[in-house]
């Protein structure tokens, strides 16, 4: 499943980080690394962006970006 498919409050573990070049490096720099646990905290009223919690901080990202992150539910 993809990160953007999580429901509010669900926790999952990152399985694969997609993207190419600078996009993938940006994901990795933000802490989106395989085996990291993430929790979906909020979804904006119009559905974009989403806010996730990982590694002790909250990260807001666009749904189009979240589609590159493959996760598995815990």
N, C-alpha and C. Protein backbone atom coordinates (compact mmCIF):
# COMPACT_ATOMS: atom_id res chain seq x y z
N UNK A 1 0.85 -1.17 0.00
CA UNK A 1 0.00 0.00 0.00
C UNK A 1 0.89 1.23 0.00
N UNK A 2 0.33 2.36 -0.37
CA UNK A 2 1.09 3.61 -0.46
C UNK A 2 0.78 4.50 0.74
N UNK A 3 1.70 5.39 1.05
CA UNK A 3 1.56 6.27 2.21
C UNK A 3 0.28 7.10 2.14
N UNK A 4 -0.11 7.53 0.97
CA UNK A 4 -1.31 8.36 0.84
C UNK A 4 -2.61 7.56 1.07
N UNK A 5 -2.54 6.24 1.17
CA UNK A 5 -3.72 5.40 1.38
C UNK A 5 -4.01 5.14 2.85
N UNK A 6 -3.12 5.57 3.75
CA UNK A 6 -3.36 5.39 5.19
C UNK A 6 -4.55 6.23 5.64
N UNK A 7 -5.22 5.77 6.67
CA UNK A 7 -6.32 6.52 7.30
C UNK A 7 -5.75 7.24 8.52
N UNK A 8 -6.42 8.30 8.95
CA UNK A 8 -5.95 9.07 10.10
C UNK A 8 -5.80 8.15 11.31
N UNK A 9 -4.65 8.24 11.96
CA UNK A 9 -4.35 7.43 13.13
C UNK A 9 -3.66 6.11 12.84
N UNK A 10 -3.65 5.69 11.58
CA UNK A 10 -3.00 4.41 11.23
C UNK A 10 -1.48 4.56 11.24
N UNK A 11 -0.83 3.50 11.66
CA UNK A 11 0.63 3.45 11.70
C UNK A 11 1.11 2.40 10.71
N UNK A 12 2.21 2.70 10.04
CA UNK A 12 2.78 1.76 9.07
C UNK A 12 4.30 1.90 9.08
N UNK A 13 4.95 0.94 8.46
CA UNK A 13 6.40 0.95 8.35
C UNK A 13 6.75 1.16 6.88
N UNK A 14 7.70 2.04 6.63
CA UNK A 14 8.12 2.31 5.25
C UNK A 14 8.81 1.07 4.70
N UNK A 15 8.36 0.65 3.53
CA UNK A 15 8.89 -0.54 2.87
C UNK A 15 9.85 -0.14 1.75
N UNK A 16 9.46 0.89 0.97
CA UNK A 16 10.26 1.28 -0.19
C UNK A 16 10.07 2.78 -0.46
N UNK A 17 11.15 3.45 -0.79
CA UNK A 17 11.09 4.87 -1.14
C UNK A 17 11.34 4.99 -2.63
N UNK A 18 10.34 5.47 -3.34
CA UNK A 18 10.45 5.62 -4.79
C UNK A 18 10.97 6.99 -5.18
N UNK A 19 10.74 7.34 -6.41
CA UNK A 19 11.21 8.61 -6.93
C UNK A 19 12.58 8.46 -7.56
N UNK A 20 12.99 9.49 -8.25
CA UNK A 20 14.29 9.46 -8.92
C UNK A 20 15.07 10.71 -8.60
N UNK A 21 16.38 10.59 -8.59
CA UNK A 21 17.26 11.74 -8.44
C UNK A 21 17.02 12.56 -7.20
N UNK A 22 16.85 13.86 -7.41
CA UNK A 22 16.74 14.79 -6.27
C UNK A 22 15.48 14.56 -5.45
N UNK A 23 14.40 14.07 -6.06
CA UNK A 23 13.18 13.80 -5.31
C UNK A 23 13.42 12.70 -4.28
N UNK A 24 14.04 11.62 -4.71
CA UNK A 24 14.32 10.50 -3.79
C UNK A 24 15.29 10.94 -2.69
N UNK A 25 16.30 11.69 -3.04
CA UNK A 25 17.25 12.18 -2.04
C UNK A 25 16.56 13.08 -1.03
N UNK A 26 15.62 13.90 -1.48
CA UNK A 26 14.87 14.77 -0.58
C UNK A 26 14.06 13.94 0.41
N UNK A 27 13.41 12.89 -0.07
CA UNK A 27 12.66 11.99 0.82
C UNK A 27 13.59 11.42 1.89
N UNK A 28 14.74 10.92 1.47
CA UNK A 28 15.68 10.31 2.41
C UNK A 28 16.19 11.35 3.41
N UNK A 29 16.47 12.56 2.96
CA UNK A 29 16.92 13.63 3.85
C UNK A 29 15.87 13.99 4.89
N UNK A 30 14.60 13.84 4.55
CA UNK A 30 13.51 14.15 5.48
C UNK A 30 13.27 13.02 6.48
N UNK A 31 14.01 11.92 6.36
CA UNK A 31 13.87 10.81 7.30
C UNK A 31 12.97 9.69 6.82
N UNK A 32 12.51 9.77 5.57
CA UNK A 32 11.65 8.73 5.01
C UNK A 32 12.55 7.60 4.50
N UNK A 33 12.97 6.76 5.44
CA UNK A 33 13.92 5.69 5.16
C UNK A 33 13.23 4.36 5.42
N UNK A 34 13.51 3.34 4.59
CA UNK A 34 12.89 2.03 4.84
C UNK A 34 13.05 1.57 6.29
N UNK A 35 12.01 0.91 6.80
CA UNK A 35 11.89 0.39 8.16
C UNK A 35 11.56 1.47 9.20
N UNK A 36 11.32 2.72 8.75
CA UNK A 36 10.92 3.78 9.66
C UNK A 36 9.40 3.70 9.87
N UNK A 37 8.96 3.86 11.10
CA UNK A 37 7.53 3.85 11.42
C UNK A 37 6.95 5.24 11.23
N UNK A 38 5.81 5.31 10.54
CA UNK A 38 5.12 6.58 10.31
C UNK A 38 3.65 6.45 10.72
N UNK A 39 3.07 7.56 11.18
CA UNK A 39 1.66 7.61 11.56
C UNK A 39 1.02 8.79 10.86
N UNK A 40 -0.13 8.56 10.23
CA UNK A 40 -0.87 9.65 9.59
C UNK A 40 -1.60 10.42 10.68
N UNK A 41 -1.32 11.70 10.79
CA UNK A 41 -1.87 12.55 11.84
C UNK A 41 -3.07 13.35 11.35
N UNK A 42 -2.91 14.05 10.22
CA UNK A 42 -3.96 14.93 9.72
C UNK A 42 -4.02 14.89 8.20
N UNK A 43 -5.20 15.21 7.70
CA UNK A 43 -5.40 15.41 6.26
C UNK A 43 -6.09 16.76 6.13
N UNK A 44 -5.61 17.61 5.23
CA UNK A 44 -6.21 18.93 5.03
C UNK A 44 -7.66 18.77 4.57
N UNK A 45 -8.50 19.78 4.80
CA UNK A 45 -9.91 19.70 4.44
C UNK A 45 -10.18 19.31 2.99
N UNK A 46 -9.35 19.75 2.07
CA UNK A 46 -9.54 19.40 0.66
C UNK A 46 -8.78 18.13 0.27
N UNK A 47 -8.16 17.45 1.26
CA UNK A 47 -7.48 16.19 1.00
C UNK A 47 -6.00 16.31 0.69
N UNK A 48 -5.48 17.52 0.60
CA UNK A 48 -4.06 17.71 0.27
C UNK A 48 -3.58 19.00 0.90
N UNK A 49 -2.54 19.02 1.68
CA UNK A 49 -1.55 17.99 1.98
C UNK A 49 -1.96 17.10 3.16
N UNK A 50 -1.04 16.16 3.49
CA UNK A 50 -1.23 15.30 4.65
C UNK A 50 -0.09 15.57 5.63
N UNK A 51 -0.34 15.24 6.90
CA UNK A 51 0.70 15.39 7.92
C UNK A 51 0.96 14.03 8.54
N UNK A 52 2.25 13.66 8.59
CA UNK A 52 2.64 12.39 9.18
C UNK A 52 3.62 12.64 10.32
N UNK A 53 3.66 11.68 11.24
CA UNK A 53 4.64 11.74 12.34
C UNK A 53 5.65 10.63 12.14
N UNK A 54 6.92 10.99 12.20
CA UNK A 54 7.99 10.01 12.10
C UNK A 54 9.20 10.53 12.84
N UNK A 55 9.96 9.65 13.44
CA UNK A 55 11.20 9.99 14.11
C UNK A 55 11.07 11.16 15.10
N UNK A 56 9.89 11.30 15.72
CA UNK A 56 9.70 12.33 16.73
C UNK A 56 9.33 13.70 16.22
N UNK A 57 9.00 13.84 14.95
CA UNK A 57 8.56 15.14 14.42
C UNK A 57 7.43 14.95 13.42
N UNK A 58 6.74 16.05 13.13
CA UNK A 58 5.65 16.02 12.16
C UNK A 58 6.15 16.56 10.83
N UNK A 59 5.73 15.91 9.76
CA UNK A 59 6.13 16.29 8.41
C UNK A 59 4.87 16.43 7.56
N UNK A 60 4.76 17.55 6.88
CA UNK A 60 3.64 17.77 5.97
C UNK A 60 4.13 17.56 4.55
N UNK A 61 3.38 16.79 3.79
CA UNK A 61 3.77 16.54 2.39
C UNK A 61 2.53 16.44 1.51
N UNK A 62 2.73 16.70 0.24
CA UNK A 62 1.66 16.64 -0.72
C UNK A 62 1.32 15.19 -1.02
N UNK A 63 0.07 14.95 -1.39
CA UNK A 63 -0.39 13.60 -1.70
C UNK A 63 0.39 13.03 -2.89
N UNK A 64 0.69 13.86 -3.89
CA UNK A 64 1.46 13.39 -5.05
C UNK A 64 2.83 12.86 -4.64
N UNK A 65 3.43 13.45 -3.61
CA UNK A 65 4.72 12.98 -3.11
C UNK A 65 4.54 11.69 -2.30
N UNK A 66 3.46 11.62 -1.52
CA UNK A 66 3.22 10.45 -0.67
C UNK A 66 3.00 9.19 -1.51
N UNK A 67 2.58 9.35 -2.75
CA UNK A 67 2.35 8.19 -3.63
C UNK A 67 3.64 7.48 -3.99
N UNK A 68 4.79 8.09 -3.75
CA UNK A 68 6.09 7.47 -4.03
C UNK A 68 6.58 6.59 -2.90
N UNK A 69 5.91 6.65 -1.73
CA UNK A 69 6.37 5.93 -0.54
C UNK A 69 5.49 4.70 -0.31
N UNK A 70 6.10 3.54 -0.40
CA UNK A 70 5.38 2.28 -0.19
C UNK A 70 5.52 1.88 1.28
N UNK A 71 4.39 1.54 1.91
CA UNK A 71 4.39 1.18 3.33
C UNK A 71 3.64 -0.14 3.54
N UNK A 72 3.86 -0.74 4.72
CA UNK A 72 3.08 -1.90 5.12
C UNK A 72 2.54 -1.63 6.52
N UNK A 73 1.25 -1.92 6.73
CA UNK A 73 0.62 -1.67 8.03
C UNK A 73 1.22 -2.56 9.09
N UNK A 74 1.28 -2.01 10.30
CA UNK A 74 1.82 -2.78 11.44
C UNK A 74 0.73 -3.50 12.15
